[in-house]
Amino acid sequence: MQDRAMVEIELEDRPEPGYLVAHLSGEVDLASLGCFRTDLQRLAEVDRTVVVLVLDGLQHLCAGGVRELLRLRDDLEPRGGGLHLVCDEHRPAHMILRALGIPASETVPAAPTPLYAESRGRPLS
């Protein structure tokens, strides 16, 4: 199966130093998972402490996509940073995050609080 770029990431230019806001749209499924993983790895390499991902534009988020989000969080934590997820409660991504006990806020905060490993409801294997 070949990966297809079915997820778009639009970076938001923010004046606050130390964090990056990225808006995701499209579908994260088995066909796009490889491209999604690569895109998230690029975000981890950006010189920012906290990455804020706005997931409202995602029409589908598979379990593998959630695993990649948590991997991004794990890549950011050793640098003293973290991941902050933003998703409206009526969007598809919010439903899977809520079912897995992963916190997400509904708006991009002025000073985002990262999603640390301790804040997860239960571990994913």
Protein backbone atom coordinates (compact mmCIF):
# COMPACT_ATOMS: atom_id res chain seq x y z
CA MET A 1 0.00 0.00 0.00
CA GLN A 2 1.38 3.40 -0.93
CA ASP A 3 1.06 6.44 1.32
CA ARG A 4 -1.07 9.23 -0.01
CA ALA A 5 -0.85 12.77 1.28
CA MET A 6 -4.38 13.10 2.62
CA VAL A 7 -3.48 15.41 5.49
CA GLU A 8 -2.60 19.06 5.10
CA ILE A 9 -0.76 21.05 7.73
CA GLU A 10 -0.97 24.82 7.72
CA LEU A 11 1.37 26.66 10.06
CA GLU A 12 0.08 29.74 11.83
CA ASP A 13 2.46 32.63 12.26
CA ARG A 14 2.32 33.70 15.91
CA PRO A 15 4.35 36.43 17.58
CA GLU A 16 4.73 34.50 20.85
CA PRO A 17 8.12 32.82 21.06
CA GLY A 18 8.51 29.19 22.04
CA TYR A 19 5.56 27.57 20.33
CA LEU A 20 4.20 26.68 16.97
CA VAL A 21 0.54 26.42 15.98
CA ALA A 22 -0.34 23.99 13.17
CA HIS A 23 -3.82 23.44 11.72
CA LEU A 24 -4.43 19.91 10.41
CA SER A 25 -7.05 18.98 7.84
CA GLY A 26 -7.93 15.89 5.85
CA GLU A 27 -7.97 12.25 6.88
CA VAL A 28 -5.46 10.25 8.90
CA ASP A 29 -5.95 6.60 7.99
CA LEU A 30 -3.78 3.65 6.99
CA ALA A 31 -3.24 5.11 3.52
CA SER A 32 -1.95 8.46 4.82
CA LEU A 33 -0.27 7.33 8.05
CA GLY A 34 3.29 7.31 6.66
CA CYS A 35 2.98 10.86 5.33
CA PHE A 36 1.37 11.98 8.59
CA ARG A 37 4.26 10.46 10.57
CA THR A 38 6.80 12.29 8.38
CA ASP A 39 4.95 15.60 8.72
CA LEU A 40 4.82 15.30 12.51
CA GLN A 41 8.53 14.44 12.64
CA ARG A 42 9.22 17.69 10.77
CA LEU A 43 7.18 19.59 13.36
CA ALA A 44 9.25 17.97 16.13
CA GLU A 45 12.42 19.27 14.48
CA VAL A 46 11.24 22.89 14.44
CA ASP A 47 13.00 25.01 17.04
CA ARG A 48 9.96 25.45 19.30
CA THR A 49 9.26 24.25 22.82
CA VAL A 50 5.53 23.58 22.51
CA VAL A 51 3.65 22.47 19.41
CA VAL A 52 -0.06 23.27 19.30
CA LEU A 53 -2.04 21.08 16.89
CA VAL A 54 -5.51 22.24 15.88
CA LEU A 55 -7.39 19.10 14.80
CA ASP A 56 -10.75 20.63 13.83
CA GLY A 57 -10.11 20.08 10.12
CA LEU A 58 -9.53 16.35 10.43
CA GLN A 59 -12.41 14.30 9.07
CA HIS A 60 -10.92 11.03 10.33
CA LEU A 61 -8.23 10.11 12.87
CA CYS A 62 -7.28 6.44 13.09
CA ALA A 63 -5.64 4.82 16.10
CA GLY A 64 -2.28 4.90 14.32
CA GLY A 65 -2.67 8.65 13.96
CA VAL A 66 -3.26 8.99 17.70
CA ARG A 67 -0.12 6.93 18.29
CA GLU A 68 1.84 9.36 16.09
CA LEU A 69 0.47 12.34 18.05
CA LEU A 70 1.70 10.73 21.27
CA ARG A 71 5.06 9.99 19.65
CA LEU A 72 5.35 13.70 18.77
CA ARG A 73 4.63 14.54 22.41
CA ASP A 74 7.33 12.09 23.49
CA ASP A 75 9.82 13.69 21.08
CA LEU A 76 9.12 17.19 22.44
CA GLU A 77 9.23 16.38 26.17
CA PRO A 78 13.01 15.75 26.48
CA ARG A 79 13.58 19.34 25.29
CA GLY A 80 11.37 20.64 28.07
CA GLY A 81 8.45 21.15 25.73
CA GLY A 82 5.30 19.30 24.86
CA LEU A 83 2.21 18.97 22.76
CA HIS A 84 -1.09 20.81 23.16
CA LEU A 85 -4.11 19.49 21.24
CA VAL A 86 -7.01 21.72 20.23
CA CYS A 87 -10.26 20.28 18.92
CA ASP A 88 -13.90 21.32 19.08
CA GLU A 89 -15.99 18.76 20.97
CA HIS A 90 -18.19 18.12 17.92
CA ARG A 91 -15.33 17.15 15.59
CA PRO A 92 -14.42 13.54 14.76
CA ALA A 93 -10.91 13.77 16.25
CA HIS A 94 -12.29 14.91 19.60
CA MET A 95 -14.44 11.81 19.88
CA ILE A 96 -11.49 9.42 19.63
CA LEU A 97 -9.32 11.56 21.92
CA ARG A 98 -12.07 11.64 24.54
CA ALA A 99 -12.58 7.87 24.28
CA LEU A 100 -8.86 7.36 24.91
CA GLY A 101 -8.71 9.86 27.78
CA ILE A 102 -6.43 12.27 25.92
CA PRO A 103 -7.14 15.91 26.81
CA ALA A 104 -7.85 18.51 24.14
CA SER A 105 -9.05 22.07 24.57
CA GLU A 106 -11.47 23.88 22.28
CA THR A 107 -9.37 26.98 21.64
CA VAL A 108 -5.73 27.86 21.10
CA PRO A 109 -4.58 29.33 24.41
CA ALA A 110 -2.42 32.43 24.67
CA ALA A 111 0.18 30.37 26.56
CA PRO A 112 -0.48 26.70 25.80
CA THR A 113 -0.12 24.00 28.41
CA PRO A 114 1.60 20.98 26.90
CA LEU A 115 0.13 17.49 27.01
CA TYR A 116 2.56 15.55 29.19
CA ALA A 117 2.62 11.80 29.64
CA GLU A 118 1.21 12.11 33.16
CA SER A 119 -1.90 13.88 31.86
CA ARG A 120 -2.99 10.94 29.75
CA GLY A 121 -5.96 9.01 31.07
CA ARG A 122 -4.48 5.60 30.29
CA PRO A 123 -1.47 4.36 28.35
CA LEU A 124 -1.73 3.27 24.74
CA SER A 125 0.14 0.20 23.58
